[in-house]
């Protein structure tokens, strides 16, 4: 069993998706605001705030859950 090389996905050094992942994480806040306003103006103010949950979700997906020092 020592021949199996299992890597921890949370220990990756670069963002998931590389530069595309970084671009997606950068665009998501603007997209969340646009969706919030569009759905809110269409009468959905009660639930349109939920689009802002996309911001931390995209950050977790792209950068992972690792904490501490980033280089």
C-alpha atoms as a PDB file:
ATOM      1  CA  UNK A   1       0.000   0.000   0.000  1.00  0.00           C
ATOM      2  CA  UNK A   2       2.951   2.318   0.266  1.00  0.00           C
ATOM      3  CA  UNK A   3       3.025   2.607  -3.549  1.00  0.00           C
ATOM      4  CA  UNK A   4      -0.235   4.556  -3.594  1.00  0.00           C
ATOM      5  CA  UNK A   5       0.322   8.290  -3.880  1.00  0.00           C
ATOM      6  CA  UNK A   6      -2.690  10.067  -2.419  1.00  0.00           C
ATOM      7  CA  UNK A   7      -2.498  13.833  -2.408  1.00  0.00           C
ATOM      8  CA  UNK A   8      -4.582  16.099  -0.264  1.00  0.00           C
ATOM      9  CA  UNK A   9      -6.668  18.429  -2.479  1.00  0.00           C
ATOM     10  CA  UNK A  10      -6.723  21.028   0.312  1.00  0.00           C
ATOM     11  CA  UNK A  11      -2.918  21.253   0.259  1.00  0.00           C
ATOM     12  CA  UNK A  12      -2.647  22.516  -3.311  1.00  0.00           C
ATOM     13  CA  UNK A  13      -0.365  25.477  -3.866  1.00  0.00           C
ATOM     14  CA  UNK A  14      -2.128  27.149  -6.793  1.00  0.00           C
ATOM     15  CA  UNK A  15      -5.770  28.162  -7.245  1.00  0.00           C
ATOM     16  CA  UNK A  16      -8.127  25.602  -8.756  1.00  0.00           C
ATOM     17  CA  UNK A  17      -8.436  26.322 -12.465  1.00  0.00           C
ATOM     18  CA  UNK A  18      -5.342  28.521 -12.512  1.00  0.00           C
ATOM     19  CA  UNK A  19      -5.908  31.954 -13.997  1.00  0.00           C
ATOM     20  CA  UNK A  20      -9.431  31.022 -15.112  1.00  0.00           C
ATOM     21  CA  UNK A  21     -10.346  30.148 -11.527  1.00  0.00           C
ATOM     22  CA  UNK A  22      -8.990  33.483 -10.329  1.00  0.00           C
ATOM     23  CA  UNK A  23     -10.998  35.277 -13.026  1.00  0.00           C
ATOM     24  CA  UNK A  24     -14.176  33.450 -12.000  1.00  0.00           C
ATOM     25  CA  UNK A  25     -13.609  34.324  -8.339  1.00  0.00           C
ATOM     26  CA  UNK A  26     -13.113  37.957  -9.377  1.00  0.00           C
ATOM     27  CA  UNK A  27     -16.276  38.143 -11.478  1.00  0.00           C
ATOM     28  CA  UNK A  28     -18.617  36.411  -9.017  1.00  0.00           C
ATOM     29  CA  UNK A  29     -19.095  39.465  -6.698  1.00  0.00           C
ATOM     30  CA  UNK A  30     -20.213  41.613  -9.647  1.00  0.00           C
ATOM     31  CA  UNK A  31     -22.467  38.814 -10.878  1.00  0.00           C
ATOM     32  CA  UNK A  32     -23.964  38.379  -7.390  1.00  0.00           C
ATOM     33  CA  UNK A  33     -24.749  42.099  -7.200  1.00  0.00           C
ATOM     34  CA  UNK A  34     -26.349  42.072 -10.657  1.00  0.00           C
ATOM     35  CA  UNK A  35     -28.470  39.026  -9.798  1.00  0.00           C
ATOM     36  CA  UNK A  36     -29.469  40.624  -6.485  1.00  0.00           C
ATOM     37  CA  UNK A  37     -30.660  43.778  -8.209  1.00  0.00           C
ATOM     38  CA  UNK A  38     -32.398  42.052 -11.121  1.00  0.00           C
ATOM     39  CA  UNK A  39     -34.300  39.564  -8.995  1.00  0.00           C
ATOM     40  CA  UNK A  40     -35.019  42.216  -6.367  1.00  0.00           C
ATOM     41  CA  UNK A  41     -36.477  44.635  -8.875  1.00  0.00           C
ATOM     42  CA  UNK A  42     -38.646  41.827 -10.231  1.00  0.00           C
ATOM     43  CA  UNK A  43     -40.208  41.515  -6.777  1.00  0.00           C
ATOM     44  CA  UNK A  44     -37.904  39.000  -5.156  1.00  0.00           C
ATOM     45  CA  UNK A  45     -36.216  41.141  -2.497  1.00  0.00           C
ATOM     46  CA  UNK A  46     -37.074  38.552   0.140  1.00  0.00           C
ATOM     47  CA  UNK A  47     -34.719  35.910  -1.292  1.00  0.00           C
ATOM     48  CA  UNK A  48     -32.419  37.849  -3.616  1.00  0.00           C
ATOM     49  CA  UNK A  49     -29.852  38.316  -0.829  1.00  0.00           C
ATOM     50  CA  UNK A  50     -29.021  34.611  -1.206  1.00  0.00           C
ATOM     51  CA  UNK A  51     -27.017  35.405  -4.368  1.00  0.00           C
ATOM     52  CA  UNK A  52     -24.366  36.947  -2.132  1.00  0.00           C
ATOM     53  CA  UNK A  53     -23.644  33.441  -0.815  1.00  0.00           C
ATOM     54  CA  UNK A  54     -22.052  32.741  -4.198  1.00  0.00           C
ATOM     55  CA  UNK A  55     -19.092  34.941  -3.217  1.00  0.00           C
ATOM     56  CA  UNK A  56     -17.691  32.786  -0.390  1.00  0.00           C
ATOM     57  CA  UNK A  57     -18.679  29.575  -2.196  1.00  0.00           C
ATOM     58  CA  UNK A  58     -16.646  30.554  -5.259  1.00  0.00           C
ATOM     59  CA  UNK A  59     -13.706  31.536  -3.048  1.00  0.00           C
ATOM     60  CA  UNK A  60     -13.808  28.194  -1.266  1.00  0.00           C
ATOM     61  CA  UNK A  61     -13.986  26.298  -4.555  1.00  0.00           C
ATOM     62  CA  UNK A  62     -11.140  28.209  -6.193  1.00  0.00           C
ATOM     63  CA  UNK A  63      -8.772  28.749  -3.264  1.00  0.00           C
ATOM     64  CA  UNK A  64      -9.759  25.852  -1.005  1.00  0.00           C
ATOM     65  CA  UNK A  65     -10.233  25.740   2.719  1.00  0.00           C
ATOM     66  CA  UNK A  66      -6.582  26.078   3.612  1.00  0.00           C
ATOM     67  CA  UNK A  67      -5.733  28.814   6.021  1.00  0.00           C
ATOM     68  CA  UNK A  68      -2.554  30.437   7.090  1.00  0.00           C
ATOM     69  CA  UNK A  69       0.157  31.961   4.975  1.00  0.00           C
ATOM     70  CA  UNK A  70      -0.272  32.215   1.198  1.00  0.00           C
ATOM     71  CA  UNK A  71       2.572  32.783  -1.182  1.00  0.00           C
END
